[in-house]
Amino acid sequence: MGCRSCTALASAPAAADGAFDPAELRAGCQIELEHTSDPDEACQIAKVHLQEDRHYYSKLCSLFPGEAGCQFVPKKTSWGPAIVFGLGVLTLLLLADE
């Protein structure tokens, strides 16, 4: 996706809620609240991430299990090859699908 602000992510078109795994979407909506106080904007950001990778939050939570929202996704310890780029406090995860 490159480097875009949360506002740009939130305004990007996203699929309807039913297009996503409910556990992934619930976790994403909770996790993305770290970037905004608006729950609708947080869910929009989560949907954009899930359009890119349907297991985005399961993968994120396997690396950072203490994140708020991680209790909603199944625990998995292996996702195959991973490339992790540090961006200051933020970490961009590019994890290969199984």
C-alpha atoms as a PDB file:
ATOM      1  CA  MET A   1       0.000   0.000   0.000  1.00  0.00           C
ATOM      2  CA  GLY A   2       2.839   2.349   0.542  1.00  0.00           C
ATOM      3  CA  CYS A   3       2.872   5.123   3.076  1.00  0.00           C
ATOM      4  CA  ARG A   4      -0.556   6.742   3.427  1.00  0.00           C
ATOM      5  CA  SER A   5      -2.180   8.493   6.359  1.00  0.00           C
ATOM      6  CA  CYS A   6      -4.993   6.953   8.360  1.00  0.00           C
ATOM      7  CA  THR A   7      -7.346   9.589   6.961  1.00  0.00           C
ATOM      8  CA  ALA A   8      -6.507   8.480   3.415  1.00  0.00           C
ATOM      9  CA  LEU A   9      -7.012   4.847   4.427  1.00  0.00           C
ATOM     10  CA  ALA A  10     -10.332   5.656   6.046  1.00  0.00           C
ATOM     11  CA  SER A  11     -11.596   7.394   2.928  1.00  0.00           C
ATOM     12  CA  ALA A  12     -10.542   4.554   0.605  1.00  0.00           C
ATOM     13  CA  PRO A  13     -13.375   2.377  -0.720  1.00  0.00           C
ATOM     14  CA  ALA A  14     -13.841  -0.864   1.201  1.00  0.00           C
ATOM     15  CA  ALA A  15     -16.101  -3.870   0.814  1.00  0.00           C
ATOM     16  CA  ALA A  16     -19.170  -4.478   2.966  1.00  0.00           C
ATOM     17  CA  ASP A  17     -18.709  -6.040   6.408  1.00  0.00           C
ATOM     18  CA  GLY A  18     -19.972  -9.430   5.184  1.00  0.00           C
ATOM     19  CA  ALA A  19     -16.967  -9.758   2.856  1.00  0.00           C
ATOM     20  CA  PHE A  20     -14.625 -10.196   5.848  1.00  0.00           C
ATOM     21  CA  ASP A  21     -14.057 -12.852   8.479  1.00  0.00           C
ATOM     22  CA  PRO A  22     -16.023 -11.504  11.480  1.00  0.00           C
ATOM     23  CA  ALA A  23     -13.204 -12.245  13.959  1.00  0.00           C
ATOM     24  CA  GLU A  24     -10.629 -10.482  11.777  1.00  0.00           C
ATOM     25  CA  LEU A  25     -12.872  -7.443  11.315  1.00  0.00           C
ATOM     26  CA  ARG A  26     -13.718  -7.232  15.013  1.00  0.00           C
ATOM     27  CA  ALA A  27     -10.036  -7.413  15.953  1.00  0.00           C
ATOM     28  CA  GLY A  28      -9.127  -4.860  13.284  1.00  0.00           C
ATOM     29  CA  CYS A  29     -11.779  -2.375  14.392  1.00  0.00           C
ATOM     30  CA  GLN A  30     -10.434  -2.581  17.942  1.00  0.00           C
ATOM     31  CA  ILE A  31      -6.748  -2.444  16.991  1.00  0.00           C
ATOM     32  CA  GLU A  32      -7.127   0.505  14.611  1.00  0.00           C
ATOM     33  CA  LEU A  33      -8.617   2.622  17.416  1.00  0.00           C
ATOM     34  CA  GLU A  34      -4.995   3.343  18.328  1.00  0.00           C
ATOM     35  CA  HIS A  35      -4.952   5.683  15.302  1.00  0.00           C
ATOM     36  CA  THR A  36      -8.314   7.404  15.737  1.00  0.00           C
ATOM     37  CA  SER A  37     -11.068   7.969  18.289  1.00  0.00           C
ATOM     38  CA  ASP A  38     -13.760   7.371  15.642  1.00  0.00           C
ATOM     39  CA  PRO A  39     -14.904   3.713  15.621  1.00  0.00           C
ATOM     40  CA  ASP A  40     -16.252   4.017  12.049  1.00  0.00           C
ATOM     41  CA  GLU A  41     -12.925   5.345  10.799  1.00  0.00           C
ATOM     42  CA  ALA A  42     -11.081   2.561  12.663  1.00  0.00           C
ATOM     43  CA  CYS A  43     -13.266  -0.088  11.001  1.00  0.00           C
ATOM     44  CA  GLN A  44     -12.759   1.503   7.589  1.00  0.00           C
ATOM     45  CA  ILE A  45      -8.978   1.305   8.083  1.00  0.00           C
ATOM     46  CA  ALA A  46      -9.349  -2.327   9.179  1.00  0.00           C
ATOM     47  CA  LYS A  47     -11.365  -3.172   6.045  1.00  0.00           C
ATOM     48  CA  VAL A  48      -8.676  -1.706   3.802  1.00  0.00           C
ATOM     49  CA  HIS A  49      -6.025  -3.825   5.532  1.00  0.00           C
ATOM     50  CA  LEU A  50      -8.233  -6.924   5.233  1.00  0.00           C
ATOM     51  CA  GLN A  51      -8.752  -6.300   1.518  1.00  0.00           C
ATOM     52  CA  GLU A  52      -4.967  -6.502   1.136  1.00  0.00           C
ATOM     53  CA  ASP A  53      -4.586  -9.573   3.383  1.00  0.00           C
ATOM     54  CA  ARG A  54      -7.562 -11.492   4.759  1.00  0.00           C
ATOM     55  CA  HIS A  55      -5.417 -12.666   7.729  1.00  0.00           C
ATOM     56  CA  TYR A  56      -3.844  -9.270   8.464  1.00  0.00           C
ATOM     57  CA  TYR A  57      -4.893  -9.130  12.118  1.00  0.00           C
ATOM     58  CA  SER A  58      -4.227 -12.805  12.888  1.00  0.00           C
ATOM     59  CA  LYS A  59      -0.704 -12.273  11.609  1.00  0.00           C
ATOM     60  CA  LEU A  60      -0.276  -9.020  13.508  1.00  0.00           C
ATOM     61  CA  CYS A  61      -1.539 -10.663  16.702  1.00  0.00           C
ATOM     62  CA  SER A  62       0.810 -13.637  16.314  1.00  0.00           C
ATOM     63  CA  LEU A  63       3.681 -11.135  16.518  1.00  0.00           C
ATOM     64  CA  PHE A  64       2.089  -8.764  19.064  1.00  0.00           C
ATOM     65  CA  PRO A  65      -0.366 -10.893  21.092  1.00  0.00           C
ATOM     66  CA  GLY A  66      -0.924  -8.192  23.717  1.00  0.00           C
ATOM     67  CA  GLU A  67      -2.578  -5.759  21.271  1.00  0.00           C
ATOM     68  CA  ALA A  68      -6.111  -4.720  22.182  1.00  0.00           C
ATOM     69  CA  GLY A  69      -8.424  -6.734  19.956  1.00  0.00           C
ATOM     70  CA  CYS A  70      -6.176  -9.786  19.604  1.00  0.00           C
ATOM     71  CA  GLN A  71      -8.485 -11.808  21.820  1.00  0.00           C
ATOM     72  CA  PHE A  72     -10.925 -11.967  18.885  1.00  0.00           C
ATOM     73  CA  VAL A  73      -8.687 -13.846  16.423  1.00  0.00           C
ATOM     74  CA  PRO A  74      -7.510 -17.478  16.623  1.00  0.00           C
ATOM     75  CA  LYS A  75      -3.977 -18.033  17.881  1.00  0.00           C
ATOM     76  CA  LYS A  76      -1.494 -19.163  15.237  1.00  0.00           C
ATOM     77  CA  THR A  77       2.251 -19.177  15.626  1.00  0.00           C
ATOM     78  CA  SER A  78       3.516 -19.722  12.082  1.00  0.00           C
ATOM     79  CA  TRP A  79       2.666 -17.735   8.942  1.00  0.00           C
ATOM     80  CA  GLY A  80       5.515 -18.645   6.645  1.00  0.00           C
ATOM     81  CA  PRO A  81       8.112 -16.143   5.463  1.00  0.00           C
ATOM     82  CA  ALA A  82       7.838 -12.675   6.939  1.00  0.00           C
ATOM     83  CA  ILE A  83       9.448  -9.371   6.085  1.00  0.00           C
ATOM     84  CA  VAL A  84       9.215  -6.834   8.886  1.00  0.00           C
ATOM     85  CA  PHE A  85      10.145  -3.208   8.312  1.00  0.00           C
ATOM     86  CA  GLY A  86      10.476  -0.919  11.331  1.00  0.00           C
ATOM     87  CA  LEU A  87       8.965   2.528  10.830  1.00  0.00           C
ATOM     88  CA  GLY A  88       9.743   4.264  14.094  1.00  0.00           C
ATOM     89  CA  VAL A  89       7.082   3.240  16.586  1.00  0.00           C
ATOM     90  CA  LEU A  90       4.971   1.669  13.834  1.00  0.00           C
ATOM     91  CA  THR A  91       5.866  -1.634  12.220  1.00  0.00           C
ATOM     92  CA  LEU A  92       4.689  -2.549   8.742  1.00  0.00           C
ATOM     93  CA  LEU A  93       4.129  -6.277   8.402  1.00  0.00           C
ATOM     94  CA  LEU A  94       4.279  -7.979   5.069  1.00  0.00           C
ATOM     95  CA  LEU A  95       3.495 -11.619   5.765  1.00  0.00           C
ATOM     96  CA  ALA A  96       3.017 -14.311   3.158  1.00  0.00           C
ATOM     97  CA  ASP A  97      -0.333 -16.103   3.014  1.00  0.00           C
ATOM     98  CA  GLU A  98      -0.306 -19.833   3.480  1.00  0.00           C
END
